[in-house]
Protein backbone atom coordinates (compact mmCIF):
# COMPACT_ATOMS: atom_id res chain seq x y z
CA MET A 1 127.28 154.54 147.15
CA ALA A 2 126.82 151.08 148.88
CA PRO A 3 125.97 148.30 146.26
CA SER A 4 122.61 147.22 146.27
CA ILE A 5 122.26 143.73 148.25
CA SER A 6 119.15 142.78 146.04
CA SER A 7 121.23 143.05 142.63
CA PRO A 8 122.72 139.58 142.42
CA LYS A 9 118.94 138.30 143.09
CA ARG A 10 117.74 140.35 140.22
CA ARG A 11 120.51 138.88 137.93
CA VAL A 12 119.49 135.53 139.10
CA SER A 13 115.75 136.16 138.24
CA GLY A 14 116.54 137.67 135.18
CA LEU A 15 118.76 134.81 134.05
CA LEU A 16 115.84 132.03 135.02
CA LEU A 17 113.24 134.27 133.15
CA PHE A 18 115.34 134.07 130.06
CA SER A 19 115.98 130.49 130.26
CA LEU A 20 112.10 129.99 130.44
CA LEU A 21 111.52 131.99 127.85
CA ILE A 22 114.22 129.95 125.54
CA PHE A 23 112.65 126.89 126.81
CA SER A 24 109.04 128.07 125.71
CA VAL A 25 110.17 129.11 122.50
CA PHE A 26 111.99 125.76 121.85
CA THR A 27 108.91 123.72 123.17
CA VAL A 28 106.46 125.72 120.85
CA THR A 29 108.65 125.01 117.70
CA LEU A 30 108.66 121.43 118.29
CA ALA A 31 105.10 120.97 119.18
CA ALA A 32 103.76 123.41 116.66
CA PRO A 33 103.32 120.67 113.89
CA ARG A 34 101.49 118.29 115.99
CA ILE A 35 99.20 121.05 117.49
CA ALA A 36 98.73 122.07 114.06
CA ALA A 37 97.47 118.63 113.10
CA ARG A 38 95.31 118.05 115.95
CA LEU A 39 93.58 121.55 115.55
CA THR A 40 93.08 120.79 111.79
CA THR A 41 91.41 117.33 112.82
CA VAL A 42 89.30 119.06 115.72
CA PHE A 43 88.09 121.85 113.12
CA GLY A 44 87.28 119.05 110.64
CA HIS A 45 85.00 117.38 112.87
CA LEU A 46 83.43 120.54 114.03
CA ARG A 47 82.76 121.20 110.26
CA GLN A 48 81.27 117.87 109.87
CA SER A 49 78.88 118.17 112.81
CA GLN A 50 77.28 121.44 111.23
CA PRO A 51 75.23 121.27 108.05
CA GLN A 52 76.66 123.07 105.05
CA LYS A 53 75.01 125.08 102.57
CA GLN A 54 72.68 123.13 99.94
CA PHE A 55 73.37 123.06 96.20
CA GLY A 56 70.37 122.40 94.05
CA GLY A 57 68.37 121.12 97.24
CA VAL A 58 70.86 118.64 98.13
CA SER A 59 72.72 118.94 101.30
CA ASN A 60 76.32 119.04 100.84
CA THR A 61 77.06 117.69 104.54
CA ARG A 62 79.93 115.13 104.69
CA PRO A 63 78.76 111.82 106.56
CA SER A 64 79.80 111.34 109.95
CA SER A 65 82.23 108.28 110.62
CA SER A 66 80.05 107.47 113.76
CA THR A 67 77.01 107.10 111.46
CA SER A 68 76.52 103.35 110.83
CA SER A 69 77.43 101.80 107.63
CA PRO A 70 76.01 98.82 105.56
CA PRO A 71 77.54 95.33 106.43
CA GLY A 72 81.01 94.95 105.03
CA LYS A 73 81.29 98.71 104.33
CA GLY A 74 83.09 100.97 106.69
CA PRO A 75 83.34 104.99 106.15
CA LEU A 76 86.04 104.73 103.95
CA LEU A 77 84.36 102.51 101.47
CA SER A 78 81.19 105.13 101.75
CA HIS A 79 83.45 108.21 101.38
CA PRO A 80 81.75 110.54 98.89
CA PHE A 81 85.11 111.86 97.43
CA ILE A 82 86.44 108.23 96.62
CA ASN A 83 84.81 105.86 94.62
CA MET A 84 85.79 102.41 96.06
CA ALA A 85 83.48 100.37 93.75
CA LYS A 86 86.51 99.73 91.44
CA TYR A 87 88.53 98.24 94.47
CA THR A 88 85.95 95.58 95.39
CA ASN A 89 87.31 93.04 93.08
CA PRO A 90 90.86 92.42 92.51
CA PRO A 91 92.32 93.64 89.11
CA GLN A 92 93.16 90.23 87.89
CA ALA A 93 92.54 86.53 89.04
CA PRO A 94 95.05 85.00 91.54
CA PRO A 95 97.86 82.48 89.84
CA LEU A 96 96.69 78.98 90.00
CA PHE A 97 99.16 76.20 91.01
CA THR A 98 97.36 73.44 89.60
CA GLY A 99 100.12 72.32 87.23
CA THR A 100 100.87 68.39 86.65
CA LYS A 101 104.23 67.08 85.77
CA GLU A 102 103.20 66.73 82.26
CA SER A 103 101.49 70.21 81.86
CA ILE A 104 104.34 72.13 83.61
CA VAL A 105 106.83 71.09 81.05
CA ALA A 106 104.71 71.26 78.23
CA ASP A 107 103.35 74.69 79.06
CA SER A 108 107.32 76.05 79.29
CA LYS A 109 107.50 74.57 75.64
CA ALA A 110 104.56 76.37 74.62
CA LEU A 111 105.75 79.56 75.96
CA CYS A 112 109.12 79.45 74.19
CA ASP A 113 107.24 78.53 70.94
CA LYS A 114 104.81 81.47 71.25
CA THR A 115 107.80 83.91 71.64
CA ARG A 116 109.91 82.08 68.77
CA THR A 117 106.62 82.49 66.35
CA LEU A 118 106.69 86.31 67.16
CA LEU A 119 110.10 86.63 66.65
CA ASP A 120 110.00 84.82 63.49
CA LYS A 121 106.97 86.96 62.32
CA LEU A 122 109.01 90.22 62.99
CA VAL A 123 112.00 89.05 61.29
CA ALA A 124 109.86 87.79 57.99
CA GLU A 125 107.78 91.32 57.85
CA ILE A 126 110.06 93.80 58.80
CA LYS A 127 113.12 94.48 56.42
CA PRO A 128 114.90 97.51 57.07
CA ALA A 129 117.19 97.07 54.14
CA GLU A 130 114.35 97.55 51.99
CA ASN A 131 112.32 99.98 54.04
CA PRO A 132 114.10 101.52 56.73
CA LYS A 133 111.22 103.49 58.18
CA ALA A 134 109.55 100.00 58.92
CA ALA A 135 111.85 99.40 61.80
CA SER A 136 110.24 101.49 64.76
CA PHE A 137 109.96 101.31 68.39
CA ASP A 138 106.09 100.40 67.99
CA SER A 139 106.63 97.80 65.24
CA VAL A 140 109.89 95.97 66.74
CA LEU A 141 110.19 96.65 70.45
CA ARG A 142 106.63 96.94 71.81
CA PRO A 143 105.53 93.40 70.56
CA GLN A 144 108.27 91.88 72.12
CA ILE A 145 108.15 93.44 75.49
CA GLU A 146 104.20 92.97 75.55
CA ASP A 147 104.77 89.34 75.00
CA GLU A 148 107.74 89.13 77.72
CA ASN A 149 105.27 90.71 80.19
CA ILE A 150 102.67 88.29 79.51
CA GLY A 151 105.01 85.53 79.41
CA ALA A 152 107.10 86.40 82.78
CA LEU A 153 104.01 85.54 85.01
CA ASN A 154 103.59 82.16 83.62
CA ALA A 155 107.38 81.38 83.59
CA ARG A 156 107.51 82.32 87.27
CA ILE A 157 104.71 79.94 88.26
CA LEU A 158 106.17 76.96 86.18
CA GLY A 159 109.70 77.86 87.86
CA PHE A 160 107.90 78.05 91.21
CA TYR A 161 107.07 74.74 92.01
CA GLN A 162 110.46 73.38 92.45
CA TYR A 163 110.99 75.65 95.44
CA VAL A 164 107.78 74.85 97.32
CA SER A 165 106.16 71.53 96.08
CA GLY A 166 106.05 68.73 98.21
CA ASP A 167 105.98 66.41 95.33
CA SER A 168 109.29 65.39 94.00
CA GLU A 169 108.15 64.77 90.58
CA LEU A 170 106.41 68.32 90.33
CA ARG A 171 109.85 69.57 91.60
CA ASP A 172 111.83 67.76 88.87
CA ALA A 173 109.22 68.99 86.10
CA SER A 174 109.55 72.52 87.21
CA THR A 175 113.46 72.28 87.43
CA ALA A 176 113.12 70.52 83.59
CA ALA A 177 110.91 73.57 82.48
CA GLU A 178 113.29 76.10 84.05
CA LYS A 179 116.17 74.34 82.06
CA ILE A 180 113.97 74.63 78.80
CA MET A 181 113.15 78.43 79.12
CA ASP A 182 116.63 79.10 80.13
CA GLU A 183 118.28 77.67 77.27
CA PHE A 184 115.37 79.27 74.97
CA GLY A 185 116.33 82.47 76.52
CA ILE A 186 119.93 82.19 75.51
CA GLU A 187 118.91 81.33 72.07
CA CYS A 188 117.05 84.52 71.69
CA ALA A 189 119.49 86.79 73.32
CA MET A 190 121.80 85.40 70.34
CA ARG A 191 119.65 85.85 67.57
CA GLU A 192 121.47 87.88 64.99
CA ASP A 193 118.65 88.53 62.95
CA VAL A 194 116.29 90.02 65.88
CA PHE A 195 119.36 92.04 66.69
CA GLN A 196 119.67 93.72 63.40
CA LEU A 197 115.83 94.75 63.49
CA VAL A 198 116.77 96.28 67.19
CA ASP A 199 119.97 98.13 65.85
CA ALA A 200 117.97 99.22 62.99
CA VAL A 201 115.64 100.91 65.33
CA TYR A 202 118.38 102.23 67.25
CA GLN A 203 120.06 103.94 64.17
CA ASN A 204 116.75 105.40 62.84
CA SER A 205 115.94 107.05 66.19
CA GLY A 206 119.00 109.11 66.23
CA LEU A 207 119.99 108.09 69.53
CA SER A 208 123.17 106.73 68.18
CA GLU A 209 124.20 110.06 66.57
CA SER A 210 123.38 111.81 69.94
CA LYS A 211 125.48 109.68 72.22
CA GLU A 212 128.42 109.93 69.76
CA LYS A 213 128.17 113.86 70.13
CA ASP A 214 127.74 113.78 73.89
CA LYS A 215 128.89 110.41 75.29
CA ASP A 216 128.15 111.54 78.91
CA ARG A 217 124.45 112.83 77.81
CA LEU A 218 122.02 111.34 79.66
CA ILE A 219 118.84 109.99 78.19
CA ASP A 220 115.87 112.33 79.12
CA GLU A 221 112.59 113.49 77.62
CA ALA A 222 114.07 116.21 75.44
CA LEU A 223 116.36 113.63 73.82
CA ALA A 224 113.68 110.97 73.70
CA LYS A 225 111.37 113.50 71.83
CA THR A 226 114.25 114.38 69.34
CA ALA A 227 114.77 110.61 68.54
CA GLY A 228 110.91 110.53 67.77
CA LEU A 229 110.24 108.33 71.02
CA ASP A 230 107.22 108.79 73.13
CA SER A 231 109.15 108.96 76.71
CA SER A 232 112.65 108.80 78.00
CA GLU A 233 111.43 105.06 79.09
CA SER A 234 111.23 104.02 75.70
CA ALA A 235 114.49 105.51 74.82
CA LEU A 236 116.20 103.95 77.88
CA LEU A 237 114.52 100.40 76.91
CA LEU A 238 115.61 100.83 73.52
CA GLU A 239 119.40 101.35 74.31
CA LYS A 240 119.20 98.73 77.11
CA GLU A 241 117.82 96.05 74.74
CA ARG A 242 120.52 96.91 71.99
CA LYS A 243 123.40 96.72 74.54
CA SER A 244 121.77 93.22 75.95
CA TYR A 245 122.57 91.83 72.52
CA ILE A 246 126.15 92.97 72.28
CA LYS A 247 126.85 91.78 75.70
CA ASN A 248 125.11 88.36 74.85
CA GLY A 249 127.84 87.60 72.31
CA LEU A 250 126.52 89.53 69.34
CA GLY A 251 129.33 92.15 69.74
CA LEU A 252 131.74 89.14 68.66
CA PRO A 253 132.21 88.34 65.01
CA ALA A 254 130.40 85.24 63.55
CA GLY A 255 132.29 81.92 63.97
CA GLU A 256 134.27 80.31 66.57
CA LYS A 257 134.39 82.80 69.35
CA ARG A 258 130.75 83.40 69.28
CA ASP A 259 129.86 79.51 69.16
CA ARG A 260 132.22 79.30 72.13
CA PHE A 261 130.68 82.08 74.02
CA LYS A 262 127.27 80.46 73.46
CA GLU A 263 128.51 77.17 74.74
CA ILE A 264 129.86 78.82 77.82
CA LYS A 265 126.46 80.24 78.35
CA MET A 266 124.81 77.02 78.20
CA ARG A 267 126.99 75.51 80.53
CA LEU A 268 126.59 78.10 83.04
CA SER A 269 122.84 77.71 82.98
CA GLN A 270 123.00 74.06 83.38
CA ILE A 271 125.36 74.64 86.17
CA GLN A 272 123.25 77.10 88.06
CA ILE A 273 119.95 74.83 87.43
CA ALA A 274 121.58 71.62 88.74
CA PHE A 275 123.01 73.72 91.74
CA GLN A 276 119.78 75.17 92.84
CA LYS A 277 118.35 71.74 92.60
CA ASN A 278 120.63 70.39 95.03
CA LEU A 279 119.83 73.28 97.47
CA ASN A 280 116.34 72.65 96.96
CA GLU A 281 116.59 69.12 97.81
CA GLU A 282 118.69 69.56 100.67
CA ASN A 283 117.36 67.93 103.98
CA GLY A 284 120.29 68.04 106.25
CA GLY A 285 119.97 69.15 109.79
CA ILE A 286 121.55 68.61 113.34
CA TRP A 287 120.40 67.32 116.63
CA PHE A 288 120.77 69.41 119.73
CA THR A 289 119.91 69.39 123.15
CA ALA A 290 117.16 71.48 124.80
CA GLU A 291 120.02 72.99 126.70
CA ASP A 292 121.69 73.65 123.55
CA LEU A 293 118.82 75.47 121.97
CA ASP A 294 118.49 77.63 125.33
CA GLY A 295 116.89 81.12 124.11
CA VAL A 296 115.18 79.98 120.91
CA PRO A 297 111.61 81.07 120.92
CA GLN A 298 109.06 78.24 122.02
CA ASP A 299 107.07 78.33 118.80
CA VAL A 300 110.52 77.19 116.90
CA LEU A 301 111.11 74.51 119.30
CA ASP A 302 107.57 73.09 119.32
CA GLY A 303 107.73 72.57 115.30
CA LEU A 304 111.17 70.78 115.65
CA GLU A 305 111.56 66.90 114.99
CA LYS A 306 111.88 65.01 118.23
CA GLY A 307 114.52 62.36 118.56
CA THR A 308 114.29 58.59 119.35
CA GLY A 309 116.92 55.96 119.80
CA GLU A 310 120.45 57.52 120.14
CA ASN A 311 119.05 60.91 119.65
CA ASP A 312 116.22 60.40 122.36
CA GLY A 313 115.72 63.91 124.14
CA LYS A 314 117.38 65.93 121.66
CA LEU A 315 115.56 68.16 118.80
CA ARG A 316 116.31 68.15 115.09
CA LEU A 317 117.06 71.49 113.69
CA SER A 318 117.36 71.90 110.09
CA PHE A 319 118.97 74.25 107.64
CA LYS A 320 115.76 75.75 106.54
CA TYR A 321 115.18 79.38 107.17
CA PRO A 322 112.11 79.00 109.43
CA ASP A 323 114.78 77.18 111.79
CA LEU A 324 117.92 78.82 110.78
CA PHE A 325 117.37 82.14 111.45
CA PRO A 326 115.52 82.29 114.90
CA THR A 327 118.38 79.81 116.19
CA LEU A 328 121.33 82.08 115.09
CA LYS A 329 119.43 85.31 116.40
CA PHE A 330 118.08 83.86 119.78
CA ALA A 331 120.21 81.02 120.76
CA LYS A 332 122.25 81.80 123.94
CA ASN A 333 124.84 79.34 123.52
CA PRO A 334 127.61 80.66 121.08
CA GLU A 335 128.76 76.95 120.56
CA THR A 336 125.31 76.39 119.15
CA ARG A 337 125.53 79.29 116.88
CA LYS A 338 128.90 78.39 115.59
CA LYS A 339 128.15 75.03 114.84
CA LEU A 340 124.93 75.65 112.99
CA PHE A 341 126.76 78.41 110.90
CA ILE A 342 129.38 76.24 109.88
CA ASP A 343 127.38 73.21 109.06
CA ASN A 344 124.55 75.46 107.04
CA GLU A 345 127.54 76.75 105.04
CA ASN A 346 129.10 73.36 104.53
CA LYS A 347 125.61 71.81 103.45
CA VAL A 348 125.34 70.06 100.12
CA ILE A 349 128.87 68.73 99.42
CA LEU A 350 128.10 68.30 96.04
CA ARG A 351 128.54 71.68 95.35
CA GLN A 352 132.17 71.83 95.19
CA PRO A 353 132.34 70.32 91.38
CA PHE A 354 129.74 73.07 90.03
CA PHE A 355 132.22 75.66 91.66
CA GLU A 356 135.20 74.24 90.05
CA ASN A 357 133.31 74.00 86.43
CA SER A 358 132.09 77.31 86.56
């Protein structure tokens, strides 16, 4: 029998149909999530436009987004299932930056005194040697953490002036306040009497025994409940607080080594504060021509200082981030980027003694 002339055409047609079928299945698979989402939205609008059954004589029809809303209230604020009234006012007042050079230092001392009074009170009232059960998470840890949470906001505000204030006296006062608070923090972290309370809570909880039996065991809800704590978060906090005291020198025997450790901690804190102060007060920069800064956004160039005298026709680029980052990113001249990067890394020559001492 002679071969059919149309058989190759049939095979080609079959391949084309098979390819179209595969393509259709692939397309529908990818588009299904979007189609389903759009159909859900369409059906939702259709349901909203139809009045639903009434319960007790009150219509349960959802308000349409096209209906007019009271001034200042959009459809979201008038949504029947969300009580937006509690979001009309912020949960707390915004922080105020109205400090003076006197109040900043005074507030930092008051903050430290408040915490010191609390710690002294805990040490005076809780005697684990006499009553081991008196040392619990709620009696020892919770008051300290709540005090820390309240004090952290004020401490941040007092230390914030040194980074943003245009008044050098406020910046100096903020630096002094940070020094006071840092030194007090080191003092608190090395109080052996407070550590004894925290350690008593740790021993009473049974976490110590559980960890000794299985050193690789993670603290979970089951272990926390076994230790008599309300959650794994509390158990983790207890373990972390105890370790922090040990890492801060209380793992060393009292005497010369511990005193030396505290001395080093104090010195490092002073170096860090002085180092940060130098960076905050840094006011260097480089004079570039307009050609050097080709490619830098115009809004950055408009804010640069215009040169006079020997720098006439040039622009002064500082090492502050609003000038530095756009120039490093957009300047077309590689020599401009190179010079800016190297000079920025070598700003504040007074940094070297700090590195050597630390």
